[in-house]
Amino acid sequence: MTPEAKGGRGASAPEVTDGRLLKGERRRRALLEAALRVVERDGVAGVTHRSVAAEAGLPASSAAYYFGSVDELLTAALVWAADQFSGLLRAAAAAPDPVAALAAALAAELAEERRPFVAAEYELYLLAARRPALRPVARRCVDDLAALARACTGDPAAVTAFRSGVDGLLLQSLVTGATPGAGDIEAVLRRLLPAAAP
């Protein structure tokens, strides 16, 4: 729903200029990024319209304007995070060596400045276990990982191992505080996908 439709304006409302659309999209993105920061700092329970708007430095009514409920805000944050992850996977899959490209991208995700976002993204991802409405979005991340693996091997067991291994690497790194380099990650991924030689 566009901000105009949400605001209840009819078809006779003047067309929104590109500048207003761009400003609205920037505010929406700022709110989604703020939601991830709130999740990282306070957990999912800390997400309210007010806390997210304050984190984004926007008026308290902003989050409710763009997202009708906290569930809608959490879903949108998970969709946004999944879109970012899908883009990362697509870029890796298009590289001459997808496994090396993915290893480098995952190492960058685990770098100090990105870790809080990765932790928040996983918290939203795991929330899908309790909220069935989030499962299609979370499933997309699993399916995108599988697609990259299938491009490297026809072995269904290796595809499953690869999906599980990537999640395991990321989660264990978050839990232990380890920051594996691209070479360490690549060695594990190649063990999981033996057909994907450099």
N, C-alpha and C. Protein backbone atom coordinates (compact mmCIF):
# COMPACT_ATOMS: atom_id res chain seq x y z
N MET A 1 0.85 -1.19 0.00
CA MET A 1 0.00 0.00 0.00
C MET A 1 0.88 1.23 0.00
N THR A 2 0.58 2.17 -0.86
CA THR A 2 1.37 3.40 -0.91
C THR A 2 1.03 4.28 0.26
N PRO A 3 1.90 5.20 0.62
CA PRO A 3 1.57 6.13 1.71
C PRO A 3 0.30 6.90 1.41
N GLU A 4 0.04 7.22 0.14
CA GLU A 4 -1.17 7.98 -0.20
C GLU A 4 -2.41 7.15 0.09
N ALA A 5 -2.38 5.86 -0.33
CA ALA A 5 -3.54 5.01 -0.09
C ALA A 5 -3.74 4.82 1.40
N LYS A 6 -2.63 4.66 2.13
CA LYS A 6 -2.74 4.47 3.57
C LYS A 6 -3.33 5.71 4.23
N GLY A 7 -3.00 6.86 3.69
CA GLY A 7 -3.50 8.11 4.27
C GLY A 7 -4.95 8.36 3.93
N GLY A 8 -5.55 7.51 3.11
CA GLY A 8 -6.97 7.62 2.83
C GLY A 8 -7.32 8.58 1.73
N ARG A 9 -6.35 9.06 0.95
CA ARG A 9 -6.66 9.98 -0.15
C ARG A 9 -7.24 9.20 -1.31
N GLY A 10 -8.18 9.81 -2.00
CA GLY A 10 -8.83 9.16 -3.13
C GLY A 10 -8.03 9.29 -4.41
N ALA A 11 -8.62 8.80 -5.50
CA ALA A 11 -7.96 8.81 -6.80
C ALA A 11 -7.72 10.22 -7.31
N SER A 12 -8.46 11.20 -6.76
CA SER A 12 -8.32 12.57 -7.26
C SER A 12 -7.12 13.30 -6.66
N ALA A 13 -6.42 12.65 -5.73
CA ALA A 13 -5.25 13.29 -5.12
C ALA A 13 -4.19 13.54 -6.19
N PRO A 14 -3.45 14.64 -6.07
CA PRO A 14 -2.42 14.93 -7.07
C PRO A 14 -1.34 13.85 -7.04
N GLU A 15 -0.75 13.64 -8.21
CA GLU A 15 0.30 12.64 -8.32
C GLU A 15 1.48 13.05 -7.47
N VAL A 16 2.08 12.08 -6.78
CA VAL A 16 3.22 12.36 -5.92
C VAL A 16 4.46 12.50 -6.77
N THR A 17 5.24 13.54 -6.49
CA THR A 17 6.46 13.74 -7.26
C THR A 17 7.50 12.70 -6.87
N ASP A 18 8.48 12.51 -7.75
CA ASP A 18 9.56 11.56 -7.47
C ASP A 18 10.27 11.90 -6.17
N GLY A 19 10.43 13.19 -5.88
CA GLY A 19 11.11 13.61 -4.66
C GLY A 19 10.38 13.14 -3.42
N ARG A 20 9.06 13.23 -3.42
CA ARG A 20 8.29 12.77 -2.25
C ARG A 20 8.34 11.27 -2.13
N LEU A 21 8.28 10.57 -3.27
CA LEU A 21 8.38 9.11 -3.22
C LEU A 21 9.74 8.68 -2.67
N LEU A 22 10.77 9.36 -3.14
CA LEU A 22 12.12 9.03 -2.69
C LEU A 22 12.27 9.29 -1.20
N LYS A 23 11.73 10.41 -0.73
CA LYS A 23 11.79 10.73 0.70
C LYS A 23 11.05 9.67 1.51
N GLY A 24 9.88 9.25 1.03
CA GLY A 24 9.12 8.21 1.72
C GLY A 24 9.87 6.89 1.77
N GLU A 25 10.50 6.55 0.66
CA GLU A 25 11.26 5.30 0.62
C GLU A 25 12.47 5.37 1.55
N ARG A 26 13.11 6.53 1.62
CA ARG A 26 14.25 6.69 2.54
C ARG A 26 13.80 6.56 3.99
N ARG A 27 12.65 7.13 4.31
CA ARG A 27 12.13 7.02 5.69
C ARG A 27 11.79 5.57 6.02
N ARG A 28 11.16 4.90 5.07
CA ARG A 28 10.80 3.50 5.29
C ARG A 28 12.05 2.66 5.53
N ARG A 29 13.07 2.88 4.71
CA ARG A 29 14.31 2.12 4.87
C ARG A 29 14.97 2.46 6.21
N ALA A 30 14.96 3.74 6.58
CA ALA A 30 15.54 4.13 7.87
C ALA A 30 14.83 3.43 9.02
N LEU A 31 13.52 3.28 8.91
CA LEU A 31 12.75 2.58 9.95
C LEU A 31 13.10 1.09 9.99
N LEU A 32 13.29 0.48 8.83
CA LEU A 32 13.64 -0.94 8.80
C LEU A 32 15.03 -1.16 9.39
N GLU A 33 15.97 -0.31 9.02
CA GLU A 33 17.32 -0.42 9.60
C GLU A 33 17.27 -0.18 11.11
N ALA A 34 16.46 0.77 11.54
CA ALA A 34 16.31 1.04 12.97
C ALA A 34 15.70 -0.16 13.68
N ALA A 35 14.73 -0.81 13.04
CA ALA A 35 14.12 -2.00 13.64
C ALA A 35 15.17 -3.08 13.87
N LEU A 36 16.07 -3.26 12.92
CA LEU A 36 17.14 -4.25 13.09
C LEU A 36 18.06 -3.86 14.25
N ARG A 37 18.35 -2.57 14.39
CA ARG A 37 19.20 -2.13 15.51
C ARG A 37 18.50 -2.38 16.85
N VAL A 38 17.19 -2.12 16.89
CA VAL A 38 16.43 -2.37 18.13
C VAL A 38 16.43 -3.86 18.45
N VAL A 39 16.20 -4.69 17.44
CA VAL A 39 16.21 -6.15 17.66
C VAL A 39 17.58 -6.57 18.17
N GLU A 40 18.65 -6.05 17.57
CA GLU A 40 20.00 -6.43 17.98
C GLU A 40 20.26 -6.03 19.44
N ARG A 41 19.79 -4.85 19.82
CA ARG A 41 20.07 -4.33 21.16
C ARG A 41 19.13 -4.89 22.22
N ASP A 42 17.81 -4.96 21.89
CA ASP A 42 16.80 -5.28 22.89
C ASP A 42 16.01 -6.56 22.61
N GLY A 43 16.28 -7.20 21.48
CA GLY A 43 15.51 -8.38 21.10
C GLY A 43 14.20 -7.98 20.45
N VAL A 44 13.50 -8.97 19.92
CA VAL A 44 12.23 -8.72 19.24
C VAL A 44 11.23 -8.06 20.18
N ALA A 45 11.27 -8.42 21.46
CA ALA A 45 10.32 -7.85 22.42
C ALA A 45 10.49 -6.34 22.57
N GLY A 46 11.66 -5.81 22.21
CA GLY A 46 11.89 -4.38 22.33
C GLY A 46 11.35 -3.57 21.17
N VAL A 47 10.83 -4.24 20.15
CA VAL A 47 10.35 -3.54 18.96
C VAL A 47 8.94 -3.01 19.19
N THR A 48 8.82 -1.70 19.19
CA THR A 48 7.52 -1.02 19.21
C THR A 48 7.60 0.08 18.16
N HIS A 49 6.46 0.62 17.78
CA HIS A 49 6.48 1.74 16.85
C HIS A 49 7.34 2.88 17.42
N ARG A 50 7.14 3.15 18.70
CA ARG A 50 7.83 4.27 19.34
C ARG A 50 9.35 4.03 19.40
N SER A 51 9.77 2.80 19.80
CA SER A 51 11.21 2.54 19.93
C SER A 51 11.91 2.59 18.58
N VAL A 52 11.25 2.10 17.55
CA VAL A 52 11.87 2.09 16.21
C VAL A 52 11.94 3.51 15.65
N ALA A 53 10.88 4.29 15.81
CA ALA A 53 10.90 5.68 15.33
C ALA A 53 11.98 6.47 16.06
N ALA A 54 12.10 6.27 17.38
CA ALA A 54 13.13 6.98 18.14
C ALA A 54 14.52 6.58 17.65
N GLU A 55 14.73 5.30 17.41
CA GLU A 55 16.03 4.82 16.93
C GLU A 55 16.37 5.43 15.57
N ALA A 56 15.34 5.61 14.74
CA ALA A 56 15.55 6.19 13.41
C ALA A 56 15.66 7.70 13.44
N GLY A 57 15.38 8.32 14.61
CA GLY A 57 15.42 9.77 14.71
C GLY A 57 14.25 10.43 14.00
N LEU A 58 13.12 9.73 13.97
CA LEU A 58 11.92 10.24 13.29
C LEU A 58 10.81 10.45 14.30
N PRO A 59 9.77 11.21 13.94
CA PRO A 59 8.64 11.41 14.86
C PRO A 59 8.01 10.08 15.26
N ALA A 60 7.46 10.03 16.46
CA ALA A 60 6.91 8.79 17.01
C ALA A 60 5.84 8.18 16.12
N SER A 61 5.12 9.00 15.37
CA SER A 61 4.04 8.48 14.53
C SER A 61 4.53 7.86 13.22
N SER A 62 5.81 8.05 12.90
CA SER A 62 6.32 7.60 11.60
C SER A 62 6.20 6.10 11.40
N ALA A 63 6.60 5.32 12.40
CA ALA A 63 6.58 3.86 12.23
C ALA A 63 5.15 3.37 12.04
N ALA A 64 4.21 3.93 12.79
CA ALA A 64 2.81 3.50 12.65
C ALA A 64 2.25 3.93 11.30
N TYR A 65 2.76 5.02 10.73
CA TYR A 65 2.29 5.49 9.42
C TYR A 65 2.69 4.50 8.33
N TYR A 66 3.92 4.01 8.39
CA TYR A 66 4.40 3.10 7.34
C TYR A 66 4.06 1.64 7.63
N PHE A 67 3.90 1.28 8.90
CA PHE A 67 3.65 -0.11 9.27
C PHE A 67 2.50 -0.12 10.28
N GLY A 68 1.38 -0.71 9.88
CA GLY A 68 0.17 -0.64 10.68
C GLY A 68 0.24 -1.34 12.02
N SER A 69 1.11 -2.34 12.15
CA SER A 69 1.25 -3.07 13.41
C SER A 69 2.71 -3.44 13.60
N VAL A 70 3.05 -3.85 14.81
CA VAL A 70 4.42 -4.28 15.08
C VAL A 70 4.73 -5.54 14.28
N ASP A 71 3.74 -6.43 14.14
CA ASP A 71 3.97 -7.64 13.32
C ASP A 71 4.29 -7.26 11.87
N GLU A 72 3.58 -6.27 11.36
CA GLU A 72 3.84 -5.81 9.99
C GLU A 72 5.25 -5.23 9.88
N LEU A 73 5.67 -4.52 10.91
CA LEU A 73 7.02 -3.96 10.93
C LEU A 73 8.08 -5.06 10.99
N LEU A 74 7.86 -6.06 11.84
CA LEU A 74 8.81 -7.18 11.93
C LEU A 74 8.88 -7.96 10.63
N THR A 75 7.72 -8.17 10.00
CA THR A 75 7.70 -8.89 8.72
C THR A 75 8.45 -8.09 7.66
N ALA A 76 8.20 -6.79 7.62
CA ALA A 76 8.89 -5.95 6.63
C ALA A 76 10.40 -5.94 6.87
N ALA A 77 10.80 -5.93 8.14
CA ALA A 77 12.24 -5.96 8.45
C ALA A 77 12.85 -7.28 8.00
N LEU A 78 12.14 -8.39 8.20
CA LEU A 78 12.65 -9.68 7.75
C LEU A 78 12.70 -9.74 6.23
N VAL A 79 11.67 -9.22 5.55
CA VAL A 79 11.68 -9.18 4.09
C VAL A 79 12.86 -8.36 3.59
N TRP A 80 13.10 -7.21 4.20
CA TRP A 80 14.21 -6.35 3.79
C TRP A 80 15.54 -7.08 3.99
N ALA A 81 15.70 -7.73 5.15
CA ALA A 81 16.94 -8.46 5.42
C ALA A 81 17.10 -9.62 4.44
N ALA A 82 16.01 -10.33 4.15
CA ALA A 82 16.07 -11.45 3.20
C ALA A 82 16.43 -10.95 1.80
N ASP A 83 15.92 -9.79 1.42
CA ASP A 83 16.27 -9.21 0.12
C ASP A 83 17.77 -8.92 0.05
N GLN A 84 18.33 -8.39 1.14
CA GLN A 84 19.77 -8.12 1.16
C GLN A 84 20.56 -9.41 1.03
N PHE A 85 20.14 -10.45 1.75
CA PHE A 85 20.84 -11.73 1.71
C PHE A 85 20.70 -12.37 0.33
N SER A 86 19.52 -12.28 -0.26
CA SER A 86 19.32 -12.82 -1.61
C SER A 86 20.22 -12.12 -2.62
N GLY A 87 20.37 -10.80 -2.47
CA GLY A 87 21.26 -10.06 -3.36
C GLY A 87 22.70 -10.53 -3.21
N LEU A 88 23.12 -10.75 -1.97
CA LEU A 88 24.46 -11.26 -1.71
C LEU A 88 24.66 -12.62 -2.39
N LEU A 89 23.66 -13.51 -2.28
CA LEU A 89 23.76 -14.84 -2.88
C LEU A 89 23.75 -14.77 -4.40
N ARG A 90 22.93 -13.89 -4.97
CA ARG A 90 22.90 -13.76 -6.42
C ARG A 90 24.23 -13.26 -6.96
N ALA A 91 24.83 -12.30 -6.25
CA ALA A 91 26.13 -11.78 -6.67
C ALA A 91 27.19 -12.88 -6.61
N ALA A 92 27.16 -13.69 -5.56
CA ALA A 92 28.12 -14.79 -5.44
C ALA A 92 27.90 -15.82 -6.55
N ALA A 93 26.65 -16.15 -6.82
CA ALA A 93 26.34 -17.15 -7.85
C ALA A 93 26.79 -16.70 -9.22
N ALA A 94 26.80 -15.39 -9.47
CA ALA A 94 27.18 -14.86 -10.78
C ALA A 94 28.70 -14.72 -10.93
N ALA A 95 29.44 -14.90 -9.85
CA ALA A 95 30.90 -14.76 -9.89
C ALA A 95 31.54 -15.96 -10.59
N PRO A 96 32.74 -15.77 -11.14
CA PRO A 96 33.43 -16.91 -11.78
C PRO A 96 33.63 -18.09 -10.83
N ASP A 97 33.87 -17.81 -9.55
CA ASP A 97 34.00 -18.86 -8.54
C ASP A 97 33.00 -18.56 -7.43
N PRO A 98 31.77 -19.12 -7.53
CA PRO A 98 30.73 -18.79 -6.56
C PRO A 98 31.09 -19.10 -5.11
N VAL A 99 31.81 -20.17 -4.88
CA VAL A 99 32.15 -20.55 -3.50
C VAL A 99 33.10 -19.52 -2.89
N ALA A 100 34.13 -19.13 -3.63
CA ALA A 100 35.07 -18.12 -3.12
C ALA A 100 34.36 -16.79 -2.91
N ALA A 101 33.48 -16.44 -3.83
CA ALA A 101 32.74 -15.18 -3.70
C ALA A 101 31.83 -15.20 -2.48
N LEU A 102 31.16 -16.33 -2.26
CA LEU A 102 30.28 -16.43 -1.09
C LEU A 102 31.10 -16.38 0.19
N ALA A 103 32.24 -17.07 0.22
CA ALA A 103 33.09 -17.05 1.42
C ALA A 103 33.52 -15.63 1.75
N ALA A 104 33.92 -14.87 0.73
CA ALA A 104 34.33 -13.48 0.96
C ALA A 104 33.16 -12.65 1.48
N ALA A 105 31.97 -12.87 0.90
CA ALA A 105 30.78 -12.12 1.33
C ALA A 105 30.40 -12.47 2.77
N LEU A 106 30.48 -13.75 3.13
CA LEU A 106 30.13 -14.14 4.50
C LEU A 106 31.14 -13.60 5.50
N ALA A 107 32.42 -13.60 5.13
CA ALA A 107 33.44 -13.02 6.01
C ALA A 107 33.15 -11.53 6.23
N ALA A 108 32.74 -10.83 5.18
CA ALA A 108 32.39 -9.42 5.31
C ALA A 108 31.18 -9.24 6.22
N GLU A 109 30.21 -10.15 6.13
CA GLU A 109 29.02 -10.08 6.98
C GLU A 109 29.39 -10.24 8.46
N LEU A 110 30.44 -11.02 8.71
CA LEU A 110 30.84 -11.27 10.10
C LEU A 110 31.85 -10.25 10.63
N ALA A 111 32.20 -9.28 9.80
CA ALA A 111 33.10 -8.21 10.25
C ALA A 111 32.40 -7.39 11.34
N GLU A 112 33.19 -6.73 12.14
CA GLU A 112 32.68 -6.06 13.35
C GLU A 112 31.50 -5.13 13.08
N GLU A 113 31.57 -4.36 11.99
CA GLU A 113 30.50 -3.38 11.75
C GLU A 113 29.20 -4.01 11.27
N ARG A 114 29.26 -5.22 10.72
CA ARG A 114 28.06 -5.89 10.21
C ARG A 114 27.46 -6.89 11.19
N ARG A 115 28.24 -7.35 12.14
CA ARG A 115 27.78 -8.42 13.04
C ARG A 115 26.46 -8.12 13.75
N PRO A 116 26.27 -6.90 14.27
CA PRO A 116 25.00 -6.64 14.95
C PRO A 116 23.79 -6.83 14.04
N PHE A 117 23.93 -6.43 12.76
CA PHE A 117 22.82 -6.62 11.83
C PHE A 117 22.59 -8.10 11.56
N VAL A 118 23.66 -8.86 11.41
CA VAL A 118 23.52 -10.31 11.16
C VAL A 118 22.82 -10.97 12.34
N ALA A 119 23.20 -10.58 13.56
CA ALA A 119 22.55 -11.14 14.75
C ALA A 119 21.05 -10.81 14.76
N ALA A 120 20.72 -9.57 14.43
CA ALA A 120 19.31 -9.17 14.40
C ALA A 120 18.55 -9.91 13.30
N GLU A 121 19.20 -10.07 12.14
CA GLU A 121 18.56 -10.80 11.03
C GLU A 121 18.27 -12.24 11.43
N TYR A 122 19.20 -12.86 12.13
CA TYR A 122 18.97 -14.24 12.57
C TYR A 122 17.88 -14.31 13.63
N GLU A 123 17.80 -13.31 14.48
CA GLU A 123 16.72 -13.32 15.46
C GLU A 123 15.36 -13.26 14.76
N LEU A 124 15.25 -12.43 13.73
CA LEU A 124 14.00 -12.37 12.96
C LEU A 124 13.76 -13.67 12.20
N TYR A 125 14.82 -14.23 11.64
CA TYR A 125 14.75 -15.50 10.89
C TYR A 125 14.22 -16.61 11.80
N LEU A 126 14.75 -16.67 13.03
CA LEU A 126 14.31 -17.70 13.98
C LEU A 126 12.91 -17.44 14.51
N LEU A 127 12.47 -16.18 14.47
CA LEU A 127 11.11 -15.86 14.89
C LEU A 127 10.08 -16.58 14.02
N ALA A 128 10.48 -16.94 12.80
CA ALA A 128 9.57 -17.66 11.90
C ALA A 128 9.17 -19.02 12.47
N ALA A 129 9.97 -19.57 13.37
CA ALA A 129 9.60 -20.84 14.00
C ALA A 129 8.34 -20.70 14.84
N ARG A 130 8.11 -19.48 15.37
CA ARG A 130 6.94 -19.25 16.21
C ARG A 130 5.81 -18.54 15.48
N ARG A 131 6.15 -17.87 14.38
CA ARG A 131 5.14 -17.09 13.65
C ARG A 131 5.07 -17.59 12.22
N PRO A 132 4.10 -18.45 11.93
CA PRO A 132 3.99 -19.04 10.60
C PRO A 132 3.93 -18.02 9.46
N ALA A 133 3.41 -16.82 9.72
CA ALA A 133 3.33 -15.81 8.67
C ALA A 133 4.71 -15.40 8.15
N LEU A 134 5.75 -15.56 8.97
CA LEU A 134 7.10 -15.20 8.57
C LEU A 134 7.81 -16.32 7.80
N ARG A 135 7.26 -17.52 7.83
CA ARG A 135 7.98 -18.66 7.26
C ARG A 135 8.26 -18.56 5.77
N PRO A 136 7.33 -18.06 4.95
CA PRO A 136 7.66 -17.95 3.52
C PRO A 136 8.88 -17.07 3.25
N VAL A 137 9.03 -16.00 4.04
CA VAL A 137 10.18 -15.12 3.85
C VAL A 137 11.46 -15.81 4.31
N ALA A 138 11.41 -16.45 5.47
CA ALA A 138 12.58 -17.17 5.98
C ALA A 138 12.95 -18.32 5.03
N ARG A 139 11.93 -18.97 4.47
CA ARG A 139 12.18 -20.08 3.56
C ARG A 139 12.91 -19.61 2.29
N ARG A 140 12.67 -18.37 1.90
CA ARG A 140 13.34 -17.85 0.70
C ARG A 140 14.86 -17.86 0.88
N CYS A 141 15.33 -17.54 2.09
CA CYS A 141 16.77 -17.57 2.36
C CYS A 141 17.31 -18.99 2.20
N VAL A 142 16.57 -19.96 2.72
CA VAL A 142 16.98 -21.36 2.60
C VAL A 142 17.00 -21.78 1.13
N ASP A 143 15.97 -21.40 0.39
CA ASP A 143 15.88 -21.78 -1.03
C ASP A 143 16.98 -21.13 -1.86
N ASP A 144 17.32 -19.87 -1.55
CA ASP A 144 18.38 -19.19 -2.30
C ASP A 144 19.74 -19.84 -2.05
N LEU A 145 19.99 -20.27 -0.83
CA LEU A 145 21.23 -21.00 -0.54
C LEU A 145 21.26 -22.31 -1.30
N ALA A 146 20.12 -23.01 -1.33
CA ALA A 146 20.05 -24.28 -2.05
C ALA A 146 20.30 -24.08 -3.54
N ALA A 147 19.78 -23.01 -4.11
CA ALA A 147 19.97 -22.75 -5.54
C ALA A 147 21.45 -22.56 -5.86
N LEU A 148 22.16 -21.83 -5.00
CA LEU A 148 23.58 -21.63 -5.24
C LEU A 148 24.32 -22.97 -5.16
N ALA A 149 23.96 -23.80 -4.19
CA ALA A 149 24.61 -25.11 -4.03
C ALA A 149 24.31 -26.01 -5.22
N ARG A 150 23.06 -25.99 -5.70
CA ARG A 150 22.68 -26.85 -6.84
C ARG A 150 23.44 -26.47 -8.11
N ALA A 151 23.86 -25.22 -8.21
CA ALA A 151 24.65 -24.80 -9.36
C ALA A 151 26.05 -25.40 -9.32
N CYS A 152 26.45 -25.87 -8.14
CA CYS A 152 27.79 -26.44 -7.97
C CYS A 152 27.78 -27.97 -7.90
N THR A 153 26.65 -28.57 -7.54
CA THR A 153 26.59 -30.02 -7.37
C THR A 153 25.17 -30.52 -7.64
N GLY A 154 25.09 -31.76 -8.10
CA GLY A 154 23.79 -32.39 -8.29
C GLY A 154 23.42 -33.29 -7.14
N ASP A 155 24.23 -33.32 -6.10
CA ASP A 155 24.01 -34.21 -4.95
C ASP A 155 23.07 -33.54 -3.94
N PRO A 156 21.83 -34.04 -3.80
CA PRO A 156 20.89 -33.40 -2.87
C PRO A 156 21.39 -33.38 -1.42
N ALA A 157 22.12 -34.40 -1.00
CA ALA A 157 22.64 -34.42 0.36
C ALA A 157 23.68 -33.32 0.55
N ALA A 158 24.50 -33.08 -0.48
CA ALA A 158 25.50 -32.00 -0.39
C ALA A 158 24.81 -30.65 -0.33
N VAL A 159 23.71 -30.49 -1.06
CA VAL A 159 22.96 -29.23 -1.02
C VAL A 159 22.43 -28.98 0.39
N THR A 160 21.87 -30.02 1.01
CA THR A 160 21.36 -29.88 2.38
C THR A 160 22.49 -29.57 3.35
N ALA A 161 23.62 -30.26 3.19
CA ALA A 161 24.77 -30.01 4.06
C ALA A 161 25.27 -28.58 3.90
N PHE A 162 25.28 -28.09 2.67
CA PHE A 162 25.74 -26.73 2.40
C PHE A 162 24.84 -25.71 3.08
N ARG A 163 23.52 -25.87 2.90
CA ARG A 163 22.58 -24.93 3.54
C ARG A 163 22.78 -24.91 5.05
N SER A 164 22.87 -26.10 5.63
CA SER A 164 23.04 -26.20 7.08
C SER A 164 24.39 -25.66 7.52
N GLY A 165 25.41 -25.91 6.71
CA GLY A 165 26.75 -25.45 7.06
C GLY A 165 26.87 -23.93 7.07
N VAL A 166 26.25 -23.27 6.11
CA VAL A 166 26.31 -21.80 6.08
C VAL A 166 25.61 -21.23 7.32
N ASP A 167 24.42 -21.75 7.63
CA ASP A 167 23.74 -21.29 8.84
C ASP A 167 24.58 -21.56 10.08
N GLY A 168 25.17 -22.76 10.14
CA GLY A 168 25.99 -23.12 11.29
C GLY A 168 27.20 -22.22 11.44
N LEU A 169 27.87 -21.92 10.34
CA LEU A 169 29.04 -21.03 10.39
C LEU A 169 28.66 -19.66 10.94
N LEU A 170 27.57 -19.12 10.41
CA LEU A 170 27.15 -17.78 10.83
C LEU A 170 26.69 -17.77 12.29
N LEU A 171 25.83 -18.71 12.66
CA LEU A 171 25.32 -18.74 14.03
C LEU A 171 26.42 -19.00 15.05
N GLN A 172 27.30 -19.96 14.76
CA GLN A 172 28.36 -20.25 15.72
C GLN A 172 29.33 -19.08 15.85
N SER A 173 29.56 -18.39 14.76
CA SER A 173 30.42 -17.21 14.84
C SER A 173 29.79 -16.14 15.72
N LEU A 174 28.47 -15.95 15.57
CA LEU A 174 27.78 -14.96 16.40
C LEU A 174 27.81 -15.35 17.87
N VAL A 175 27.63 -16.64 18.15
CA VAL A 175 27.58 -17.11 19.53
C VAL A 175 28.95 -17.08 20.19
N THR A 176 29.99 -17.46 19.44
CA THR A 176 31.33 -17.56 20.03
C THR A 176 32.13 -16.27 19.93
N GLY A 177 31.71 -15.36 19.05
CA GLY A 177 32.47 -14.14 18.83
C GLY A 177 33.62 -14.33 17.85
N ALA A 178 33.73 -15.52 17.26
CA ALA A 178 34.80 -15.78 16.30
C ALA A 178 34.55 -14.98 15.03
N THR A 179 35.63 -14.59 14.37
CA THR A 179 35.53 -13.87 13.10
C THR A 179 36.37 -14.60 12.05
N PRO A 180 35.85 -15.69 11.50
CA PRO A 180 36.62 -16.44 10.51
C PRO A 180 36.86 -15.60 9.26
N GLY A 181 38.03 -15.79 8.68
CA GLY A 181 38.35 -15.09 7.45
C GLY A 181 37.76 -15.80 6.25
N ALA A 182 37.84 -15.15 5.10
CA ALA A 182 37.29 -15.73 3.88
C ALA A 182 37.91 -17.08 3.56
N GLY A 183 39.23 -17.23 3.78
CA GLY A 183 39.90 -18.49 3.49
C GLY A 183 39.39 -19.63 4.36
N ASP A 184 39.16 -19.34 5.65
CA ASP A 184 38.64 -20.37 6.56
C ASP A 184 37.23 -20.79 6.15
N ILE A 185 36.41 -19.81 5.81
CA ILE A 185 35.04 -20.12 5.39
C ILE A 185 35.04 -20.89 4.08
N GLU A 186 35.88 -20.48 3.15
CA GLU A 186 35.94 -21.16 1.86
C GLU A 186 36.34 -22.62 2.02
N ALA A 187 37.29 -22.90 2.91
CA ALA A 187 37.72 -24.29 3.13
C ALA A 187 36.56 -25.15 3.59
N VAL A 188 35.72 -24.62 4.48
CA VAL A 188 34.56 -25.37 4.96
C VAL A 188 33.54 -25.56 3.84
N LEU A 189 33.26 -24.48 3.09
CA LEU A 189 32.27 -24.57 2.02
C LEU A 189 32.71 -25.58 0.95
N ARG A 190 33.99 -25.63 0.65
CA ARG A 190 34.47 -26.59 -0.36
C ARG A 190 34.39 -28.02 0.16
N ARG A 191 34.54 -28.20 1.46
CA ARG A 191 34.36 -29.54 2.02
C ARG A 191 32.89 -29.96 1.89
N LEU A 192 31.97 -29.00 2.06
CA LEU A 192 30.55 -29.29 1.94
C LEU A 192 30.12 -29.50 0.49
N LEU A 193 30.81 -28.83 -0.43
CA LEU A 193 30.51 -28.96 -1.86
C LEU A 193 31.77 -29.44 -2.58
N PRO A 194 32.10 -30.74 -2.45
CA PRO A 194 33.36 -31.23 -3.00
C PRO A 194 33.48 -31.04 -4.52
N ALA A 195 32.35 -30.94 -5.21
CA ALA A 195 32.42 -30.79 -6.67
C ALA A 195 32.79 -29.36 -7.07
N ALA A 196 32.73 -28.43 -6.13
CA ALA A 196 32.96 -27.02 -6.45
C ALA A 196 34.44 -26.68 -6.27
N ALA A 197 35.29 -27.30 -7.07
CA ALA A 197 36.71 -27.02 -7.00
C ALA A 197 37.00 -25.65 -7.61
N PRO A 198 38.07 -24.97 -7.12
CA PRO A 198 38.38 -23.65 -7.66
C PRO A 198 38.82 -23.72 -9.11
